[in-house]
Amino acid sequence: MTTVQITLPDQLAQDAERAGLLSSESLEELLRAELRTRSASELLSVLDSLDRVPTTEDFSPEAMAEEVRAMRAERRAPSRPAGSPQ
């Protein structure tokens, strides 16, 4: 098990505590749900990018390999918080 310490605004912490959201079980459920959501979003993004790729008849093995390399590099790139400069 890992222990995590977070800092929250007082009002948010109080509201979350009253709602029962700060228990280990609730936080685990929230985090697992968010991970599922992000996985689904990533899958949809990949499927969307596949719609923009030429058909396999027009796509050489070299071009396919390059597309896979580019997608892997994009996945490995550090995430930027929303609204941050690029």
Protein backbone atom coordinates (compact mmCIF):
# COMPACT_ATOMS: atom_id res chain seq x y z
CA MET A 1 0.00 0.00 0.00
CA THR A 2 1.07 3.55 -0.69
CA THR A 3 0.25 6.53 1.50
CA VAL A 4 -0.61 9.75 -0.32
CA GLN A 5 -0.80 13.19 1.24
CA ILE A 6 -2.71 15.93 -0.58
CA THR A 7 -3.36 19.60 0.09
CA LEU A 8 -6.87 20.92 -0.53
CA PRO A 9 -8.62 24.20 0.10
CA ASP A 10 -10.32 24.06 3.53
CA GLN A 11 -13.86 24.37 2.20
CA LEU A 12 -13.34 21.66 -0.40
CA ALA A 13 -11.82 19.32 2.20
CA GLN A 14 -14.74 19.93 4.58
CA ASP A 15 -17.33 19.39 1.85
CA ALA A 16 -15.58 16.23 0.63
CA GLU A 17 -15.30 14.90 4.17
CA ARG A 18 -19.02 15.51 4.82
CA ALA A 19 -19.84 13.73 1.55
CA GLY A 20 -17.70 10.76 2.58
CA LEU A 21 -15.28 11.23 -0.31
CA LEU A 22 -12.05 11.28 1.69
CA SER A 23 -12.15 7.65 2.83
CA SER A 24 -9.63 5.28 1.29
CA GLU A 25 -12.44 3.30 -0.31
CA SER A 26 -14.07 6.36 -1.87
CA LEU A 27 -10.79 7.76 -3.16
CA GLU A 28 -9.87 4.37 -4.62
CA GLU A 29 -13.23 4.21 -6.41
CA LEU A 30 -12.87 7.77 -7.73
CA LEU A 31 -9.34 7.16 -8.99
CA ARG A 32 -10.26 3.87 -10.67
CA ALA A 33 -13.23 5.54 -12.39
CA GLU A 34 -11.00 8.37 -13.63
CA LEU A 35 -8.43 5.87 -14.95
CA ARG A 36 -11.18 4.02 -16.84
CA THR A 37 -12.43 7.31 -18.27
CA ARG A 38 -8.97 8.32 -19.42
CA SER A 39 -8.34 4.89 -20.97
CA ALA A 40 -11.62 5.12 -22.87
CA SER A 41 -10.77 8.65 -24.03
CA GLU A 42 -7.36 7.51 -25.21
CA LEU A 43 -8.92 4.62 -27.12
CA LEU A 44 -11.42 6.96 -28.78
CA SER A 45 -8.59 9.31 -29.69
CA VAL A 46 -6.65 6.47 -31.31
CA LEU A 47 -9.74 5.33 -33.19
CA ASP A 48 -10.32 8.90 -34.35
CA SER A 49 -6.74 9.15 -35.59
CA LEU A 50 -7.17 5.85 -37.44
CA ASP A 51 -10.10 7.37 -39.33
CA ARG A 52 -7.68 9.95 -40.75
CA VAL A 53 -5.12 7.36 -41.87
CA PRO A 54 -5.12 6.25 -45.51
CA THR A 55 -6.46 2.76 -46.19
CA THR A 56 -3.99 -0.08 -45.70
CA GLU A 57 -3.82 -0.63 -49.47
CA ASP A 58 -2.33 2.87 -49.79
CA PHE A 59 -0.19 2.63 -46.66
CA SER A 60 3.25 1.09 -47.00
CA PRO A 61 4.74 -1.00 -44.16
CA GLU A 62 7.31 1.76 -43.65
CA ALA A 63 4.59 4.40 -43.32
CA MET A 64 2.69 2.17 -40.88
CA ALA A 65 5.80 1.70 -38.77
CA GLU A 66 6.37 5.47 -38.73
CA GLU A 67 2.77 6.07 -37.63
CA VAL A 68 3.20 3.57 -34.78
CA ARG A 69 6.47 5.26 -33.72
CA ALA A 70 4.78 8.67 -33.73
CA MET A 71 1.83 7.42 -31.65
CA ARG A 72 4.17 5.77 -29.13
CA ALA A 73 6.24 8.95 -28.84
CA GLU A 74 3.06 10.96 -28.26
CA ARG A 75 1.98 8.57 -25.48
CA ARG A 76 5.40 8.82 -23.80
CA ALA A 77 5.49 12.62 -23.93
CA PRO A 78 4.83 14.25 -20.55
CA SER A 79 1.24 15.40 -20.13
CA ARG A 80 0.63 19.12 -19.89
CA PRO A 81 -2.09 20.46 -17.61
CA ALA A 82 -5.04 21.95 -19.45
CA GLY A 83 -4.48 25.59 -20.28
CA SER A 84 -0.70 25.43 -19.90
CA PRO A 85 1.48 26.93 -22.63
CA GLN A 86 3.01 24.48 -25.08
